[in-house]
PDB file of all heavy atoms in Angstrom:
ATOM      1  N   GLU A   1      21.498  24.394 132.534  1.00  0.00           N
ATOM      2  CA  GLU A   1      22.127  25.472 131.761  1.00  0.00           C
ATOM      3  C   GLU A   1      22.385  26.681 132.717  1.00  0.00           C
ATOM      4  O   GLU A   1      23.503  27.248 132.697  1.00  0.00           O
ATOM      5  CB  GLU A   1      21.256  25.901 130.547  1.00  0.00           C
ATOM      6  CG  GLU A   1      21.821  27.094 129.805  1.00  0.00           C
ATOM      7  CD  GLU A   1      20.805  27.593 128.831  1.00  0.00           C
ATOM      8  OE1 GLU A   1      20.213  26.804 128.074  1.00  0.00           O
ATOM      9  OE2 GLU A   1      20.661  28.933 128.781  1.00  0.00           O
ATOM     10  N   LEU A   2      21.379  27.008 133.485  1.00  0.00           N
ATOM     11  CA  LEU A   2      21.583  28.060 134.429  1.00  0.00           C
ATOM     12  C   LEU A   2      22.614  27.750 135.485  1.00  0.00           C
ATOM     13  O   LEU A   2      23.450  28.659 135.796  1.00  0.00           O
ATOM     14  CB  LEU A   2      20.210  28.356 135.139  1.00  0.00           C
ATOM     15  CG  LEU A   2      20.170  29.397 136.220  1.00  0.00           C
ATOM     16  CD1 LEU A   2      20.608  30.761 135.667  1.00  0.00           C
ATOM     17  CD2 LEU A   2      18.807  29.492 136.860  1.00  0.00           C
ATOM     18  N   ALA A   3      22.639  26.552 136.012  1.00  0.00           N
ATOM     19  CA  ALA A   3      23.613  26.202 136.967  1.00  0.00           C
ATOM     20  C   ALA A   3      25.102  26.390 136.427  1.00  0.00           C
ATOM     21  O   ALA A   3      25.995  26.921 137.143  1.00  0.00           O
ATOM     22  CB  ALA A   3      23.460  24.780 137.508  1.00  0.00           C
ATOM     23  N   ALA A   4      25.258  25.954 135.210  1.00  0.00           N
ATOM     24  CA  ALA A   4      26.596  26.181 134.584  1.00  0.00           C
ATOM     25  C   ALA A   4      26.961  27.656 134.392  1.00  0.00           C
ATOM     26  O   ALA A   4      28.122  28.031 134.568  1.00  0.00           O
ATOM     27  CB  ALA A   4      26.561  25.426 133.243  1.00  0.00           C
ATOM     28  N   ARG A   5      25.893  28.520 134.141  1.00  0.00           N
ATOM     29  CA  ARG A   5      26.288  29.888 133.956  1.00  0.00           C
ATOM     30  C   ARG A   5      26.617  30.582 135.231  1.00  0.00           C
ATOM     31  O   ARG A   5      27.383  31.488 135.200  1.00  0.00           O
ATOM     32  CB  ARG A   5      24.961  30.583 133.353  1.00  0.00           C
ATOM     33  CG  ARG A   5      24.695  30.183 131.922  1.00  0.00           C
ATOM     34  CD  ARG A   5      24.954  31.226 130.847  1.00  0.00           C
ATOM     35  NE  ARG A   5      24.644  32.561 130.930  1.00  0.00           N
ATOM     36  CZ  ARG A   5      23.686  33.215 130.223  1.00  0.00           C
ATOM     37  NH1 ARG A   5      22.906  32.578 129.450  1.00  0.00           N
ATOM     38  NH2 ARG A   5      23.516  34.476 130.322  1.00  0.00           N
ATOM     39  N   VAL A   6      25.953  30.215 136.265  1.00  0.00           N
ATOM     40  CA  VAL A   6      26.226  30.897 137.616  1.00  0.00           C
ATOM     41  C   VAL A   6      27.337  30.279 138.400  1.00  0.00           C
ATOM     42  O   VAL A   6      27.653  30.809 139.520  1.00  0.00           O
ATOM     43  CB  VAL A   6      24.964  31.054 138.463  1.00  0.00           C
ATOM     44  CG1 VAL A   6      23.852  31.807 137.656  1.00  0.00           C
ATOM     45  CG2 VAL A   6      24.425  29.749 138.957  1.00  0.00           C
ATOM     46  N   ASP A   7      27.890  29.187 137.898  1.00  0.00           N
ATOM     47  CA  ASP A   7      29.016  28.592 138.595  1.00  0.00           C
ATOM     48  C   ASP A   7      30.303  29.367 138.309  1.00  0.00           C
ATOM     49  O   ASP A   7      31.111  29.030 137.471  1.00  0.00           O
ATOM     50  CB  ASP A   7      29.247  27.170 138.159  1.00  0.00           C
ATOM     51  CG  ASP A   7      30.091  26.394 138.983  1.00  0.00           C
ATOM     52  OD1 ASP A   7      30.404  26.784 140.174  1.00  0.00           O
ATOM     53  OD2 ASP A   7      30.666  25.355 138.567  1.00  0.00           O
ATOM     54  N   VAL A   8      30.525  30.405 139.089  1.00  0.00           N
ATOM     55  CA  VAL A   8      31.679  31.350 138.929  1.00  0.00           C
ATOM     56  C   VAL A   8      32.889  30.741 139.690  1.00  0.00           C
ATOM     57  O   VAL A   8      32.794  29.807 140.455  1.00  0.00           O
ATOM     58  CB  VAL A   8      31.330  32.760 139.427  1.00  0.00           C
ATOM     59  CG1 VAL A   8      30.166  33.288 138.616  1.00  0.00           C
ATOM     60  CG2 VAL A   8      30.970  32.766 140.871  1.00  0.00           C
ATOM     61  N   ASP A   9      34.016  31.424 139.423  1.00  0.00           N
ATOM     62  CA  ASP A   9      35.262  31.087 140.044  1.00  0.00           C
ATOM     63  C   ASP A   9      35.129  31.009 141.530  1.00  0.00           C
ATOM     64  O   ASP A   9      34.898  32.007 142.239  1.00  0.00           O
ATOM     65  CB  ASP A   9      36.297  31.999 139.722  1.00  0.00           C
ATOM     66  CG  ASP A   9      37.705  31.757 140.197  1.00  0.00           C
ATOM     67  OD1 ASP A   9      37.863  30.732 140.977  1.00  0.00           O
ATOM     68  OD2 ASP A   9      38.598  32.465 139.929  1.00  0.00           O
ATOM     69  N   ARG A  10      35.173  29.794 142.112  1.00  0.00           N
ATOM     70  CA  ARG A  10      35.019  29.707 143.585  1.00  0.00           C
ATOM     71  C   ARG A  10      36.179  30.214 144.408  1.00  0.00           C
ATOM     72  O   ARG A  10      36.235  30.283 145.614  1.00  0.00           O
ATOM     73  CB  ARG A  10      34.696  28.254 143.935  1.00  0.00           C
ATOM     74  CG  ARG A  10      33.332  27.778 143.353  1.00  0.00           C
ATOM     75  CD  ARG A  10      32.979  26.374 143.678  1.00  0.00           C
ATOM     76  NE  ARG A  10      31.783  26.035 142.987  1.00  0.00           N
ATOM     77  CZ  ARG A  10      30.731  25.650 143.601  1.00  0.00           C
ATOM     78  NH1 ARG A  10      30.613  25.574 144.897  1.00  0.00           N
ATOM     79  NH2 ARG A  10      29.602  25.301 142.881  1.00  0.00           N
ATOM     80  N   GLY A  11      37.306  30.607 143.693  1.00  0.00           N
ATOM     81  CA  GLY A  11      38.414  31.199 144.322  1.00  0.00           C
ATOM     82  C   GLY A  11      38.237  32.638 144.623  1.00  0.00           C
ATOM     83  O   GLY A  11      39.010  33.321 145.340  1.00  0.00           O
ATOM     84  N   LEU A  12      37.142  33.300 144.068  1.00  0.00           N
ATOM     85  CA  LEU A  12      36.886  34.678 144.294  1.00  0.00           C
ATOM     86  C   LEU A  12      36.462  34.891 145.670  1.00  0.00           C
ATOM     87  O   LEU A  12      35.813  34.058 146.305  1.00  0.00           O
ATOM     88  CB  LEU A  12      35.809  35.198 143.344  1.00  0.00           C
ATOM     89  CG  LEU A  12      36.122  35.315 141.867  1.00  0.00           C
ATOM     90  CD1 LEU A  12      34.792  35.605 141.116  1.00  0.00           C
ATOM     91  CD2 LEU A  12      37.116  36.347 141.666  1.00  0.00           C
ATOM     92  N   PRO A  13      36.668  36.158 146.272  1.00  0.00           N
ATOM     93  CA  PRO A  13      36.167  36.399 147.618  1.00  0.00           C
ATOM     94  C   PRO A  13      34.623  36.290 147.492  1.00  0.00           C
ATOM     95  O   PRO A  13      34.003  36.554 146.421  1.00  0.00           O
ATOM     96  CB  PRO A  13      36.523  37.893 147.804  1.00  0.00           C
ATOM     97  CG  PRO A  13      37.670  38.080 146.920  1.00  0.00           C
ATOM     98  CD  PRO A  13      37.491  37.183 145.676  1.00  0.00           C
ATOM     99  N   PRO A  14      33.895  35.964 148.543  1.00  0.00           N
ATOM    100  CA  PRO A  14      32.510  35.653 148.551  1.00  0.00           C
ATOM    101  C   PRO A  14      31.638  36.765 147.984  1.00  0.00           C
ATOM    102  O   PRO A  14      30.747  36.536 147.177  1.00  0.00           O
ATOM    103  CB  PRO A  14      32.088  35.444 149.998  1.00  0.00           C
ATOM    104  CG  PRO A  14      33.320  34.861 150.647  1.00  0.00           C
ATOM    105  CD  PRO A  14      34.505  35.603 149.874  1.00  0.00           C
ATOM    106  N   ALA A  15      31.951  37.942 148.251  1.00  0.00           N
ATOM    107  CA  ALA A  15      31.154  39.139 147.680  1.00  0.00           C
ATOM    108  C   ALA A  15      31.267  39.225 146.224  1.00  0.00           C
ATOM    109  O   ALA A  15      30.317  39.466 145.494  1.00  0.00           O
ATOM    110  CB  ALA A  15      31.467  40.468 148.412  1.00  0.00           C
ATOM    111  N   GLU A  16      32.573  39.022 145.745  1.00  0.00           N
ATOM    112  CA  GLU A  16      32.777  39.173 144.328  1.00  0.00           C
ATOM    113  C   GLU A  16      32.125  37.946 143.606  1.00  0.00           C
ATOM    114  O   GLU A  16      31.547  38.126 142.467  1.00  0.00           O
ATOM    115  CB  GLU A  16      34.262  39.160 143.971  1.00  0.00           C
ATOM    116  CG  GLU A  16      34.915  40.482 144.277  1.00  0.00           C
ATOM    117  CD  GLU A  16      36.394  40.391 144.061  1.00  0.00           C
ATOM    118  OE1 GLU A  16      36.803  39.809 142.898  1.00  0.00           O
ATOM    119  OE2 GLU A  16      37.194  40.999 144.826  1.00  0.00           O
ATOM    120  N   ALA A  17      32.242  36.768 144.206  1.00  0.00           N
ATOM    121  CA  ALA A  17      31.534  35.558 143.583  1.00  0.00           C
ATOM    122  C   ALA A  17      30.037  35.758 143.420  1.00  0.00           C
ATOM    123  O   ALA A  17      29.406  35.458 142.455  1.00  0.00           O
ATOM    124  CB  ALA A  17      31.996  34.313 144.355  1.00  0.00           C
ATOM    125  N   LEU A  18      29.474  36.279 144.579  1.00  0.00           N
ATOM    126  CA  LEU A  18      28.026  36.486 144.542  1.00  0.00           C
ATOM    127  C   LEU A  18      27.653  37.548 143.511  1.00  0.00           C
ATOM    128  O   LEU A  18      26.689  37.315 142.753  1.00  0.00           O
ATOM    129  CB  LEU A  18      27.619  36.968 145.924  1.00  0.00           C
ATOM    130  CG  LEU A  18      26.101  37.302 146.001  1.00  0.00           C
ATOM    131  CD1 LEU A  18      25.219  36.083 145.835  1.00  0.00           C
ATOM    132  CD2 LEU A  18      25.777  37.943 147.463  1.00  0.00           C
ATOM    133  N   ALA A  19      28.393  38.634 143.401  1.00  0.00           N
ATOM    134  CA  ALA A  19      28.045  39.633 142.294  1.00  0.00           C
ATOM    135  C   ALA A  19      28.168  39.079 140.973  1.00  0.00           C
ATOM    136  O   ALA A  19      27.317  39.417 140.119  1.00  0.00           O
ATOM    137  CB  ALA A  19      28.955  40.876 142.583  1.00  0.00           C
ATOM    138  N   ALA A  20      29.198  38.298 140.714  1.00  0.00           N
ATOM    139  CA  ALA A  20      29.347  37.627 139.372  1.00  0.00           C
ATOM    140  C   ALA A  20      28.267  36.665 139.069  1.00  0.00           C
ATOM    141  O   ALA A  20      27.795  36.629 138.033  1.00  0.00           O
ATOM    142  CB  ALA A  20      30.810  37.033 139.327  1.00  0.00           C
ATOM    143  N   ALA A  21      27.969  35.835 140.095  1.00  0.00           N
ATOM    144  CA  ALA A  21      26.864  34.845 139.917  1.00  0.00           C
ATOM    145  C   ALA A  21      25.526  35.564 139.602  1.00  0.00           C
ATOM    146  O   ALA A  21      24.756  35.076 138.785  1.00  0.00           O
ATOM    147  CB  ALA A  21      26.844  33.930 140.996  1.00  0.00           C
ATOM    148  N   LEU A  22      25.221  36.604 140.428  1.00  0.00           N
ATOM    149  CA  LEU A  22      24.056  37.356 140.279  1.00  0.00           C
ATOM    150  C   LEU A  22      23.958  37.918 138.836  1.00  0.00           C
ATOM    151  O   LEU A  22      22.934  37.974 138.192  1.00  0.00           O
ATOM    152  CB  LEU A  22      23.885  38.347 141.347  1.00  0.00           C
ATOM    153  CG  LEU A  22      22.562  39.205 141.336  1.00  0.00           C
ATOM    154  CD1 LEU A  22      21.338  38.261 141.337  1.00  0.00           C
ATOM    155  CD2 LEU A  22      22.554  40.182 142.410  1.00  0.00           C
ATOM    156  N   ASP A  23      25.077  38.518 138.431  1.00  0.00           N
ATOM    157  CA  ASP A  23      25.075  39.114 137.058  1.00  0.00           C
ATOM    158  C   ASP A  23      24.837  38.050 136.028  1.00  0.00           C
ATOM    159  O   ASP A  23      24.107  38.352 135.100  1.00  0.00           O
ATOM    160  CB  ASP A  23      26.396  39.864 136.871  1.00  0.00           C
ATOM    161  CG  ASP A  23      26.364  40.865 135.681  1.00  0.00           C
ATOM    162  OD1 ASP A  23      25.442  41.579 135.639  1.00  0.00           O
ATOM    163  OD2 ASP A  23      27.249  40.760 134.785  1.00  0.00           O
ATOM    164  N   ALA A  24      25.511  36.962 136.185  1.00  0.00           N
ATOM    165  CA  ALA A  24      25.302  35.897 135.150  1.00  0.00           C
ATOM    166  C   ALA A  24      23.833  35.392 135.211  1.00  0.00           C
ATOM    167  O   ALA A  24      23.215  35.147 134.141  1.00  0.00           O
ATOM    168  CB  ALA A  24      26.175  34.609 135.472  1.00  0.00           C
ATOM    169  N   PHE A  25      23.191  35.313 136.429  1.00  0.00           N
ATOM    170  CA  PHE A  25      21.806  34.942 136.571  1.00  0.00           C
ATOM    171  C   PHE A  25      20.915  35.916 135.834  1.00  0.00           C
ATOM    172  O   PHE A  25      19.969  35.606 135.141  1.00  0.00           O
ATOM    173  CB  PHE A  25      21.400  34.755 137.972  1.00  0.00           C
ATOM    174  CG  PHE A  25      19.989  34.482 138.243  1.00  0.00           C
ATOM    175  CD1 PHE A  25      19.395  33.275 137.920  1.00  0.00           C
ATOM    176  CD2 PHE A  25      19.175  35.446 138.838  1.00  0.00           C
ATOM    177  CE1 PHE A  25      18.094  33.009 138.067  1.00  0.00           C
ATOM    178  CE2 PHE A  25      17.717  35.109 139.023  1.00  0.00           C
ATOM    179  CZ  PHE A  25      17.272  33.944 138.761  1.00  0.00           C
TER     180      PHE A  25
END
C-alpha cells in the first residue's frame, strides 16, 4: 500500500518527485 502511494509521476524532475513522494509518505 505504501509503495503504491509513494509511486509518483516518474516524469517529474527528481527534486519534485522526491518532494511529492515524501509528502505521500
